[in-house]
Each structure stands twice: as C-alpha cells, then as structure tokens.
Amino acid sequence: MLKYILGMAVILVGLYFYPQIASSTGSPCEALESKMIAELPINIPDDSPFAMFANVMTNLSQGEIGEAVVANKYPNLPEPLGCAIGYYTFDKDDIEL
C-alpha cells in the first residue's frame, strides 16, 4: 500500500514540475504563459493589439498573467497549482482575437 501512495506522490510531483522543465521557466505560471504564446494562431497581424500584448507579455511578465488567468478559473487553488493544471487544460480555441 505504501508503494502505491509513494508512486502516486512521485507521479503528481512530476506532473507539477513538468511544465517548468519542458518550457525552461522558473514557475508553472511562466510555463503557462509561454504555452499560451507558443500556441497563438500564426495569422495575427504584427500591428494588432493582441500581438503587441503578446510581445509585452513574453518580455516583461514573470508569471503574473498566468496567475491572473487561473485565478478566475480555479479560485480555491494556490496560483502555482492552478497554473500547472491550466498548462494541461489550456485550449488555444479559448483565445479570442
């Protein structure tokens, strides 16, 4: 029984840290932001406000945008845990241009 509990703990810890490792960022919220930027549609004009916002977000934000995104979706969870869940449940079709 203890092996199964330890095995589940290892799996959950791995799922929590995978977004940071896969995207080479310092937190799950930064990983969520980088995933949101990476999955943007290609046909966004460079002069659109969304493209300018995306540029600012990649250069200046250190996880604050990711925290704000998940704060509304998962209000009862700590932001880093919500960001880790958001990393796996993010759908690029949710972005409205």
PDB file of N, CA and C in Angstrom:
ATOM      1  N   MET A   1       0.821  -1.191   0.000  1.00  0.00           N
ATOM      2  CA  MET A   1       0.000   0.000   0.000  1.00  0.00           C
ATOM      3  C   MET A   1       0.870   1.263   0.000  1.00  0.00           C
ATOM      4  N   LEU A   2       1.938   1.258   0.755  1.00  0.00           N
ATOM      5  CA  LEU A   2       2.824   2.409   0.834  1.00  0.00           C
ATOM      6  C   LEU A   2       3.499   2.673  -0.509  1.00  0.00           C
ATOM      7  N   LYS A   3       3.815   1.593  -1.254  1.00  0.00           N
ATOM      8  CA  LYS A   3       4.429   1.755  -2.569  1.00  0.00           C
ATOM      9  C   LYS A   3       3.493   2.504  -3.512  1.00  0.00           C
ATOM     10  N   TYR A   4       2.206   2.230  -3.440  1.00  0.00           N
ATOM     11  CA  TYR A   4       1.239   2.885  -4.315  1.00  0.00           C
ATOM     12  C   TYR A   4       1.086   4.360  -3.956  1.00  0.00           C
ATOM     13  N   ILE A   5       1.099   4.648  -2.682  1.00  0.00           N
ATOM     14  CA  ILE A   5       0.998   6.045  -2.241  1.00  0.00           C
ATOM     15  C   ILE A   5       2.239   6.818  -2.665  1.00  0.00           C
ATOM     16  N   LEU A   6       3.405   6.222  -2.463  1.00  0.00           N
ATOM     17  CA  LEU A   6       4.644   6.875  -2.889  1.00  0.00           C
ATOM     18  C   LEU A   6       4.705   7.017  -4.411  1.00  0.00           C
ATOM     19  N   GLY A   7       4.230   6.008  -5.111  1.00  0.00           N
ATOM     20  CA  GLY A   7       4.193   6.072  -6.579  1.00  0.00           C
ATOM     21  C   GLY A   7       3.286   7.192  -7.066  1.00  0.00           C
ATOM     22  N   MET A   8       2.120   7.341  -6.446  1.00  0.00           N
ATOM     23  CA  MET A   8       1.214   8.429  -6.816  1.00  0.00           C
ATOM     24  C   MET A   8       1.825   9.781  -6.487  1.00  0.00           C
ATOM     25  N   ALA A   9       2.517   9.869  -5.360  1.00  0.00           N
ATOM     26  CA  ALA A   9       3.159  11.131  -4.985  1.00  0.00           C
ATOM     27  C   ALA A   9       4.231  11.508  -6.007  1.00  0.00           C
ATOM     28  N   VAL A  10       5.016  10.542  -6.456  1.00  0.00           N
ATOM     29  CA  VAL A  10       6.044  10.806  -7.453  1.00  0.00           C
ATOM     30  C   VAL A  10       5.403  11.258  -8.769  1.00  0.00           C
ATOM     31  N   ILE A  11       4.322  10.620  -9.167  1.00  0.00           N
ATOM     32  CA  ILE A  11       3.634  10.999 -10.404  1.00  0.00           C
ATOM     33  C   ILE A  11       3.079  12.418 -10.303  1.00  0.00           C
ATOM     34  N   LEU A  12       2.444  12.751  -9.182  1.00  0.00           N
ATOM     35  CA  LEU A  12       1.875  14.088  -9.010  1.00  0.00           C
ATOM     36  C   LEU A  12       2.955  15.172  -8.970  1.00  0.00           C
ATOM     37  N   VAL A  13       4.066  14.884  -8.314  1.00  0.00           N
ATOM     38  CA  VAL A  13       5.174  15.842  -8.282  1.00  0.00           C
ATOM     39  C   VAL A  13       5.742  16.016  -9.689  1.00  0.00           C
ATOM     40  N   GLY A  14       5.853  14.931 -10.422  1.00  0.00           N
ATOM     41  CA  GLY A  14       6.329  15.015 -11.803  1.00  0.00           C
ATOM     42  C   GLY A  14       5.405  15.836 -12.688  1.00  0.00           C
ATOM     43  N   LEU A  15       4.088  15.653 -12.511  1.00  0.00           N
ATOM     44  CA  LEU A  15       3.131  16.441 -13.285  1.00  0.00           C
ATOM     45  C   LEU A  15       3.185  17.923 -12.920  1.00  0.00           C
ATOM     46  N   TYR A  16       3.491  18.220 -11.678  1.00  0.00           N
ATOM     47  CA  TYR A  16       3.590  19.610 -11.245  1.00  0.00           C
ATOM     48  C   TYR A  16       4.829  20.291 -11.843  1.00  0.00           C
ATOM     49  N   PHE A  17       5.949  19.596 -11.853  1.00  0.00           N
ATOM     50  CA  PHE A  17       7.198  20.203 -12.306  1.00  0.00           C
ATOM     51  C   PHE A  17       7.450  20.069 -13.805  1.00  0.00           C
ATOM     52  N   TYR A  18       6.729  19.209 -14.505  1.00  0.00           N
ATOM     53  CA  TYR A  18       6.967  19.016 -15.937  1.00  0.00           C
ATOM     54  C   TYR A  18       6.832  20.301 -16.752  1.00  0.00           C
ATOM     55  N   PRO A  19       5.779  21.133 -16.560  1.00  0.00           N
ATOM     56  CA  PRO A  19       5.678  22.354 -17.378  1.00  0.00           C
ATOM     57  C   PRO A  19       6.897  23.263 -17.258  1.00  0.00           C
ATOM     58  N   GLN A  20       7.435  23.385 -16.051  1.00  0.00           N
ATOM     59  CA  GLN A  20       8.606  24.239 -15.854  1.00  0.00           C
ATOM     60  C   GLN A  20       9.822  23.677 -16.570  1.00  0.00           C
ATOM     61  N   ILE A  21       9.991  22.381 -16.496  1.00  0.00           N
ATOM     62  CA  ILE A  21      11.153  21.742 -17.104  1.00  0.00           C
ATOM     63  C   ILE A  21      11.028  21.752 -18.625  1.00  0.00           C
ATOM     64  N   ALA A  22       9.829  21.464 -19.137  1.00  0.00           N
ATOM     65  CA  ALA A  22       9.627  21.396 -20.582  1.00  0.00           C
ATOM     66  C   ALA A  22       9.791  22.745 -21.248  1.00  0.00           C
ATOM     67  N   SER A  23       9.410  23.818 -20.562  1.00  0.00           N
ATOM     68  CA  SER A  23       9.495  25.143 -21.175  1.00  0.00           C
ATOM     69  C   SER A  23      10.683  25.954 -20.666  1.00  0.00           C
ATOM     70  N   SER A  24      11.506  25.378 -19.822  1.00  0.00           N
ATOM     71  CA  SER A  24      12.695  26.040 -19.261  1.00  0.00           C
ATOM     72  C   SER A  24      12.356  27.369 -18.600  1.00  0.00           C
ATOM     73  N   THR A  25      11.350  27.329 -17.742  1.00  0.00           N
ATOM     74  CA  THR A  25      10.942  28.518 -16.999  1.00  0.00           C
ATOM     75  C   THR A  25      11.099  28.256 -15.509  1.00  0.00           C
ATOM     76  N   GLY A  26      10.845  29.292 -14.721  1.00  0.00           N
ATOM     77  CA  GLY A  26      11.058  29.175 -13.287  1.00  0.00           C
ATOM     78  C   GLY A  26       9.829  28.834 -12.484  1.00  0.00           C
ATOM     79  N   SER A  27       8.646  28.862 -13.103  1.00  0.00           N
ATOM     80  CA  SER A  27       7.426  28.556 -12.361  1.00  0.00           C
ATOM     81  C   SER A  27       6.377  28.005 -13.316  1.00  0.00           C
ATOM     82  N   PRO A  28       5.362  27.337 -12.774  1.00  0.00           N
ATOM     83  CA  PRO A  28       4.296  26.822 -13.637  1.00  0.00           C
ATOM     84  C   PRO A  28       3.535  27.947 -14.339  1.00  0.00           C
ATOM     85  N   CYS A  29       3.434  29.114 -13.695  1.00  0.00           N
ATOM     86  CA  CYS A  29       2.700  30.227 -14.309  1.00  0.00           C
ATOM     87  C   CYS A  29       3.465  30.784 -15.509  1.00  0.00           C
ATOM     88  N   GLU A  30       4.788  30.841 -15.423  1.00  0.00           N
ATOM     89  CA  GLU A  30       5.583  31.252 -16.577  1.00  0.00           C
ATOM     90  C   GLU A  30       5.482  30.222 -17.701  1.00  0.00           C
ATOM     91  N   ALA A  31       5.413  28.950 -17.334  1.00  0.00           N
ATOM     92  CA  ALA A  31       5.266  27.896 -18.338  1.00  0.00           C
ATOM     93  C   ALA A  31       3.917  28.013 -19.039  1.00  0.00           C
ATOM     94  N   LEU A  32       2.871  28.336 -18.284  1.00  0.00           N
ATOM     95  CA  LEU A  32       1.549  28.525 -18.885  1.00  0.00           C
ATOM     96  C   LEU A  32       1.568  29.696 -19.856  1.00  0.00           C
ATOM     97  N   GLU A  33       2.220  30.793 -19.470  1.00  0.00           N
ATOM     98  CA  GLU A  33       2.318  31.952 -20.359  1.00  0.00           C
ATOM     99  C   GLU A  33       3.059  31.595 -21.641  1.00  0.00           C
ATOM    100  N   SER A  34       4.163  30.882 -21.523  1.00  0.00           N
ATOM    101  CA  SER A  34       4.924  30.535 -22.719  1.00  0.00           C
ATOM    102  C   SER A  34       4.132  29.589 -23.616  1.00  0.00           C
ATOM    103  N   LYS A  35       3.326  28.727 -23.024  1.00  0.00           N
ATOM    104  CA  LYS A  35       2.491  27.836 -23.830  1.00  0.00           C
ATOM    105  C   LYS A  35       1.399  28.626 -24.536  1.00  0.00           C
ATOM    106  N   MET A  36       0.827  29.622 -23.840  1.00  0.00           N
ATOM    107  CA  MET A  36      -0.207  30.440 -24.474  1.00  0.00           C
ATOM    108  C   MET A  36       0.373  31.190 -25.668  1.00  0.00           C
ATOM    109  N   ILE A  37       1.565  31.729 -25.528  1.00  0.00           N
ATOM    110  CA  ILE A  37       2.207  32.453 -26.623  1.00  0.00           C
ATOM    111  C   ILE A  37       2.582  31.502 -27.758  1.00  0.00           C
ATOM    112  N   ALA A  38       3.074  30.330 -27.424  1.00  0.00           N
ATOM    113  CA  ALA A  38       3.504  29.376 -28.452  1.00  0.00           C
ATOM    114  C   ALA A  38       2.339  28.860 -29.284  1.00  0.00           C
ATOM    115  N   GLU A  39       1.146  28.815 -28.714  1.00  0.00           N
ATOM    116  CA  GLU A  39       0.006  28.267 -29.433  1.00  0.00           C
ATOM    117  C   GLU A  39      -0.896  29.331 -30.050  1.00  0.00           C
ATOM    118  N   LEU A  40      -0.384  30.555 -30.150  1.00  0.00           N
ATOM    119  CA  LEU A  40      -1.161  31.599 -30.802  1.00  0.00           C
ATOM    120  C   LEU A  40      -1.324  31.281 -32.279  1.00  0.00           C
ATOM    121  N   PRO A  41      -2.427  31.686 -32.859  1.00  0.00           N
ATOM    122  CA  PRO A  41      -2.571  31.495 -34.310  1.00  0.00           C
ATOM    123  C   PRO A  41      -1.490  32.261 -35.069  1.00  0.00           C
ATOM    124  N   ILE A  42      -1.058  31.719 -36.162  1.00  0.00           N
ATOM    125  CA  ILE A  42       0.047  32.292 -36.922  1.00  0.00           C
ATOM    126  C   ILE A  42      -0.379  33.557 -37.673  1.00  0.00           C
ATOM    127  N   ASN A  43      -1.637  33.676 -38.016  1.00  0.00           N
ATOM    128  CA  ASN A  43      -2.064  34.761 -38.885  1.00  0.00           C
ATOM    129  C   ASN A  43      -2.444  36.036 -38.133  1.00  0.00           C
ATOM    130  N   ILE A  44      -1.833  36.301 -36.999  1.00  0.00           N
ATOM    131  CA  ILE A  44      -2.089  37.541 -36.279  1.00  0.00           C
ATOM    132  C   ILE A  44      -1.243  38.639 -36.924  1.00  0.00           C
ATOM    133  N   PRO A  45      -1.866  39.735 -37.352  1.00  0.00           N
ATOM    134  CA  PRO A  45      -1.054  40.823 -37.910  1.00  0.00           C
ATOM    135  C   PRO A  45      -0.143  41.431 -36.847  1.00  0.00           C
ATOM    136  N   ASP A  46       1.042  41.851 -37.252  1.00  0.00           N
ATOM    137  CA  ASP A  46       2.017  42.383 -36.309  1.00  0.00           C
ATOM    138  C   ASP A  46       1.566  43.680 -35.655  1.00  0.00           C
ATOM    139  N   ASP A  47       0.658  44.416 -36.290  1.00  0.00           N
ATOM    140  CA  ASP A  47       0.215  45.685 -35.730  1.00  0.00           C
ATOM    141  C   ASP A  47      -1.055  45.552 -34.885  1.00  0.00           C
ATOM    142  N   SER A  48      -1.533  44.324 -34.680  1.00  0.00           N
ATOM    143  CA  SER A  48      -2.745  44.152 -33.876  1.00  0.00           C
ATOM    144  C   SER A  48      -2.422  44.330 -32.391  1.00  0.00           C
ATOM    145  N   PRO A  49      -3.389  44.795 -31.614  1.00  0.00           N
ATOM    146  CA  PRO A  49      -3.145  44.971 -30.176  1.00  0.00           C
ATOM    147  C   PRO A  49      -2.793  43.657 -29.478  1.00  0.00           C
ATOM    148  N   PHE A  50      -3.365  42.563 -29.958  1.00  0.00           N
ATOM    149  CA  PHE A  50      -3.082  41.280 -29.318  1.00  0.00           C
ATOM    150  C   PHE A  50      -1.630  40.878 -29.536  1.00  0.00           C
ATOM    151  N   ALA A  51      -1.093  41.147 -30.726  1.00  0.00           N
ATOM    152  CA  ALA A  51       0.312  40.818 -30.994  1.00  0.00           C
ATOM    153  C   ALA A  51       1.227  41.679 -30.134  1.00  0.00           C
ATOM    154  N   MET A  52       0.877  42.941 -29.967  1.00  0.00           N
ATOM    155  CA  MET A  52       1.689  43.811 -29.116  1.00  0.00           C
ATOM    156  C   MET A  52       1.619  43.350 -27.660  1.00  0.00           C
ATOM    157  N   PHE A  53       0.427  42.949 -27.216  1.00  0.00           N
ATOM    158  CA  PHE A  53       0.265  42.440 -25.851  1.00  0.00           C
ATOM    159  C   PHE A  53       1.078  41.167 -25.657  1.00  0.00           C
ATOM    160  N   ALA A  54       1.071  40.293 -26.646  1.00  0.00           N
ATOM    161  CA  ALA A  54       1.840  39.047 -26.556  1.00  0.00           C
ATOM    162  C   ALA A  54       3.326  39.334 -26.457  1.00  0.00           C
ATOM    163  N   ASN A  55       3.789  40.339 -27.195  1.00  0.00           N
ATOM    164  CA  ASN A  55       5.206  40.704 -27.142  1.00  0.00           C
ATOM    165  C   ASN A  55       5.573  41.235 -25.760  1.00  0.00           C
ATOM    166  N   VAL A  56       4.736  42.084 -25.208  1.00  0.00           N
ATOM    167  CA  VAL A  56       4.992  42.618 -23.874  1.00  0.00           C
ATOM    168  C   VAL A  56       4.950  41.496 -22.847  1.00  0.00           C
ATOM    169  N   MET A  57       3.990  40.602 -23.004  1.00  0.00           N
ATOM    170  CA  MET A  57       3.834  39.521 -22.050  1.00  0.00           C
ATOM    171  C   MET A  57       5.062  38.622 -22.020  1.00  0.00           C
ATOM    172  N   THR A  58       5.642  38.340 -23.171  1.00  0.00           N
ATOM    173  CA  THR A  58       6.809  37.456 -23.196  1.00  0.00           C
ATOM    174  C   THR A  58       8.047  38.145 -22.641  1.00  0.00           C
ATOM    175  N   ASN A  59       8.132  39.460 -22.790  1.00  0.00           N
ATOM    176  CA  ASN A  59       9.340  40.159 -22.365  1.00  0.00           C
ATOM    177  C   ASN A  59       9.308  40.626 -20.917  1.00  0.00           C
ATOM    178  N   LEU A  60       8.152  40.987 -20.410  1.00  0.00           N
ATOM    179  CA  LEU A  60       8.099  41.604 -19.087  1.00  0.00           C
ATOM    180  C   LEU A  60       7.487  40.733 -17.993  1.00  0.00           C
ATOM    181  N   SER A  61       6.571  39.895 -18.344  1.00  0.00           N
ATOM    182  CA  SER A  61       5.834  39.149 -17.330  1.00  0.00           C
ATOM    183  C   SER A  61       6.667  38.005 -16.773  1.00  0.00           C
ATOM    184  N   GLN A  62       6.516  37.800 -15.487  1.00  0.00           N
ATOM    185  CA  GLN A  62       7.197  36.683 -14.838  1.00  0.00           C
ATOM    186  C   GLN A  62       6.183  35.795 -14.132  1.00  0.00           C
ATOM    187  N   GLY A  63       5.100  35.508 -14.823  1.00  0.00           N
ATOM    188  CA  GLY A  63       4.086  34.625 -14.280  1.00  0.00           C
ATOM    189  C   GLY A  63       2.823  35.323 -13.818  1.00  0.00           C
ATOM    190  N   GLU A  64       2.814  36.655 -13.816  1.00  0.00           N
ATOM    191  CA  GLU A  64       1.652  37.366 -13.319  1.00  0.00           C
ATOM    192  C   GLU A  64       0.423  37.161 -14.204  1.00  0.00           C
ATOM    193  N   ILE A  65       0.618  37.113 -15.508  1.00  0.00           N
ATOM    194  CA  ILE A  65      -0.503  36.921 -16.427  1.00  0.00           C
ATOM    195  C   ILE A  65      -1.075  35.519 -16.246  1.00  0.00           C
ATOM    196  N   GLY A  66      -0.214  34.539 -16.118  1.00  0.00           N
ATOM    197  CA  GLY A  66      -0.681  33.171 -15.875  1.00  0.00           C
ATOM    198  C   GLY A  66      -1.458  33.065 -14.574  1.00  0.00           C
ATOM    199  N   GLU A  67      -0.967  33.741 -13.541  1.00  0.00           N
ATOM    200  CA  GLU A  67      -1.680  33.748 -12.261  1.00  0.00           C
ATOM    201  C   GLU A  67      -3.059  34.384 -12.401  1.00  0.00           C
ATOM    202  N   ALA A  68      -3.140  35.470 -13.153  1.00  0.00           N
ATOM    203  CA  ALA A  68      -4.427  36.146 -13.342  1.00  0.00           C
ATOM    204  C   ALA A  68      -5.400  35.276 -14.134  1.00  0.00           C
ATOM    205  N   VAL A  69      -4.876  34.538 -15.109  1.00  0.00           N
ATOM    206  CA  VAL A  69      -5.736  33.673 -15.912  1.00  0.00           C
ATOM    207  C   VAL A  69      -6.353  32.573 -15.055  1.00  0.00           C
ATOM    208  N   VAL A  70      -5.545  31.949 -14.213  1.00  0.00           N
ATOM    209  CA  VAL A  70      -6.065  30.831 -13.428  1.00  0.00           C
ATOM    210  C   VAL A  70      -6.783  31.268 -12.158  1.00  0.00           C
ATOM    211  N   ALA A  71      -6.593  32.519 -11.740  1.00  0.00           N
ATOM    212  CA  ALA A  71      -7.265  32.987 -10.526  1.00  0.00           C
ATOM    213  C   ALA A  71      -8.780  32.973 -10.694  1.00  0.00           C
ATOM    214  N   ASN A  72      -9.255  33.265 -11.890  1.00  0.00           N
ATOM    215  CA  ASN A  72     -10.694  33.232 -12.141  1.00  0.00           C
ATOM    216  C   ASN A  72     -11.204  31.822 -12.357  1.00  0.00           C
ATOM    217  N   LYS A  73     -10.395  30.997 -12.970  1.00  0.00           N
ATOM    218  CA  LYS A  73     -10.831  29.631 -13.297  1.00  0.00           C
ATOM    219  C   LYS A  73     -10.753  28.695 -12.090  1.00  0.00           C
ATOM    220  N   TYR A  74      -9.716  28.837 -11.283  1.00  0.00           N
ATOM    221  CA  TYR A  74      -9.509  27.994 -10.101  1.00  0.00           C
ATOM    222  C   TYR A  74      -9.320  28.873  -8.871  1.00  0.00           C
ATOM    223  N   PRO A  75     -10.376  29.521  -8.379  1.00  0.00           N
ATOM    224  CA  PRO A  75     -10.195  30.485  -7.284  1.00  0.00           C
ATOM    225  C   PRO A  75      -9.800  29.860  -5.950  1.00  0.00           C
ATOM    226  N   ASN A  76     -10.066  28.588  -5.740  1.00  0.00           N
ATOM    227  CA  ASN A  76      -9.783  27.961  -4.452  1.00  0.00           C
ATOM    228  C   ASN A  76      -8.423  27.271  -4.400  1.00  0.00           C
ATOM    229  N   LEU A  77      -7.670  27.323  -5.481  1.00  0.00           N
ATOM    230  CA  LEU A  77      -6.352  26.687  -5.517  1.00  0.00           C
ATOM    231  C   LEU A  77      -5.266  27.747  -5.443  1.00  0.00           C
ATOM    232  N   PRO A  78      -4.115  27.401  -4.899  1.00  0.00           N
ATOM    233  CA  PRO A  78      -2.963  28.324  -4.987  1.00  0.00           C
ATOM    234  C   PRO A  78      -2.594  28.535  -6.462  1.00  0.00           C
ATOM    235  N   GLU A  79      -2.128  29.720  -6.783  1.00  0.00           N
ATOM    236  CA  GLU A  79      -1.857  30.046  -8.186  1.00  0.00           C
ATOM    237  C   GLU A  79      -0.883  29.083  -8.865  1.00  0.00           C
ATOM    238  N   PRO A  80       0.232  28.696  -8.243  1.00  0.00           N
ATOM    239  CA  PRO A  80       1.133  27.765  -8.947  1.00  0.00           C
ATOM    240  C   PRO A  80       0.471  26.427  -9.290  1.00  0.00           C
ATOM    241  N   LEU A  81      -0.347  25.924  -8.398  1.00  0.00           N
ATOM    242  CA  LEU A  81      -1.042  24.667  -8.689  1.00  0.00           C
ATOM    243  C   LEU A  81      -2.080  24.875  -9.784  1.00  0.00           C
ATOM    244  N   GLY A  82      -2.780  25.992  -9.738  1.00  0.00           N
ATOM    245  CA  GLY A  82      -3.741  26.311 -10.795  1.00  0.00           C
ATOM    246  C   GLY A  82      -3.068  26.480 -12.145  1.00  0.00           C
ATOM    247  N   CYS A  83      -1.885  27.073 -12.143  1.00  0.00           N
ATOM    248  CA  CYS A  83      -1.139  27.233 -13.397  1.00  0.00           C
ATOM    249  C   CYS A  83      -0.701  25.883 -13.954  1.00  0.00           C
ATOM    250  N   ALA A  84      -0.293  24.982 -13.072  1.00  0.00           N
ATOM    251  CA  ALA A  84       0.106  23.644 -13.531  1.00  0.00           C
ATOM    252  C   ALA A  84      -1.087  22.930 -14.153  1.00  0.00           C
ATOM    253  N   ILE A  85      -2.246  23.045 -13.545  1.00  0.00           N
ATOM    254  CA  ILE A  85      -3.458  22.440 -14.117  1.00  0.00           C
ATOM    255  C   ILE A  85      -3.825  23.147 -15.414  1.00  0.00           C
ATOM    256  N   GLY A  86      -3.721  24.484 -15.418  1.00  0.00           N
ATOM    257  CA  GLY A  86      -4.023  25.245 -16.621  1.00  0.00           C
ATOM    258  C   GLY A  86      -3.105  24.906 -17.779  1.00  0.00           C
ATOM    259  N   TYR A  87      -1.868  24.537 -17.484  1.00  0.00           N
ATOM    260  CA  TYR A  87      -0.923  24.148 -18.531  1.00  0.00           C
ATOM    261  C   TYR A  87      -1.442  22.932 -19.292  1.00  0.00           C
ATOM    262  N   TYR A  88      -2.023  21.998 -18.574  1.00  0.00           N
ATOM    263  CA  TYR A  88      -2.521  20.775 -19.206  1.00  0.00           C
ATOM    264  C   TYR A  88      -3.901  20.956 -19.825  1.00  0.00           C
ATOM    265  N   THR A  89      -4.690  21.915 -19.334  1.00  0.00           N
ATOM    266  CA  THR A  89      -6.055  22.072 -19.827  1.00  0.00           C
ATOM    267  C   THR A  89      -6.209  23.250 -20.777  1.00  0.00           C
ATOM    268  N   PHE A  90      -5.123  23.967 -21.091  1.00  0.00           N
ATOM    269  CA  PHE A  90      -5.195  25.131 -21.972  1.00  0.00           C
ATOM    270  C   PHE A  90      -5.607  24.709 -23.371  1.00  0.00           C
ATOM    271  N   ASP A  91      -6.543  25.464 -23.945  1.00  0.00           N
ATOM    272  CA  ASP A  91      -7.001  25.197 -25.312  1.00  0.00           C
ATOM    273  C   ASP A  91      -6.868  26.486 -26.098  1.00  0.00           C
ATOM    274  N   LYS A  92      -6.145  26.439 -27.202  1.00  0.00           N
ATOM    275  CA  LYS A  92      -5.910  27.655 -27.971  1.00  0.00           C
ATOM    276  C   LYS A  92      -7.187  28.193 -28.601  1.00  0.00           C
ATOM    277  N   ASP A  93      -8.232  27.392 -28.670  1.00  0.00           N
ATOM    278  CA  ASP A  93      -9.502  27.878 -29.202  1.00  0.00           C
ATOM    279  C   ASP A  93     -10.199  28.814 -28.233  1.00  0.00           C
ATOM    280  N   ASP A  94      -9.727  28.866 -26.971  1.00  0.00           N
ATOM    281  CA  ASP A  94     -10.295  29.788 -25.997  1.00  0.00           C
ATOM    282  C   ASP A  94      -9.840  31.226 -26.205  1.00  0.00           C
ATOM    283  N   ILE A  95      -8.778  31.420 -27.010  1.00  0.00           N
ATOM    284  CA  ILE A  95      -8.263  32.753 -27.272  1.00  0.00           C
ATOM    285  C   ILE A  95      -9.124  33.409 -28.333  1.00  0.00           C
ATOM    286  N   GLU A  96      -9.679  34.552 -28.005  1.00  0.00           N
ATOM    287  CA  GLU A  96     -10.483  35.303 -28.965  1.00  0.00           C
ATOM    288  C   GLU A  96      -9.678  36.495 -29.449  1.00  0.00           C
ATOM    289  N   LEU A  97      -9.571  36.620 -30.738  1.00  0.00           N
ATOM    290  CA  LEU A  97      -8.808  37.739 -31.305  1.00  0.00           C
ATOM    291  C   LEU A  97      -9.727  38.845 -31.725  1.00  0.00           C
TER     292      LEU A  97
END
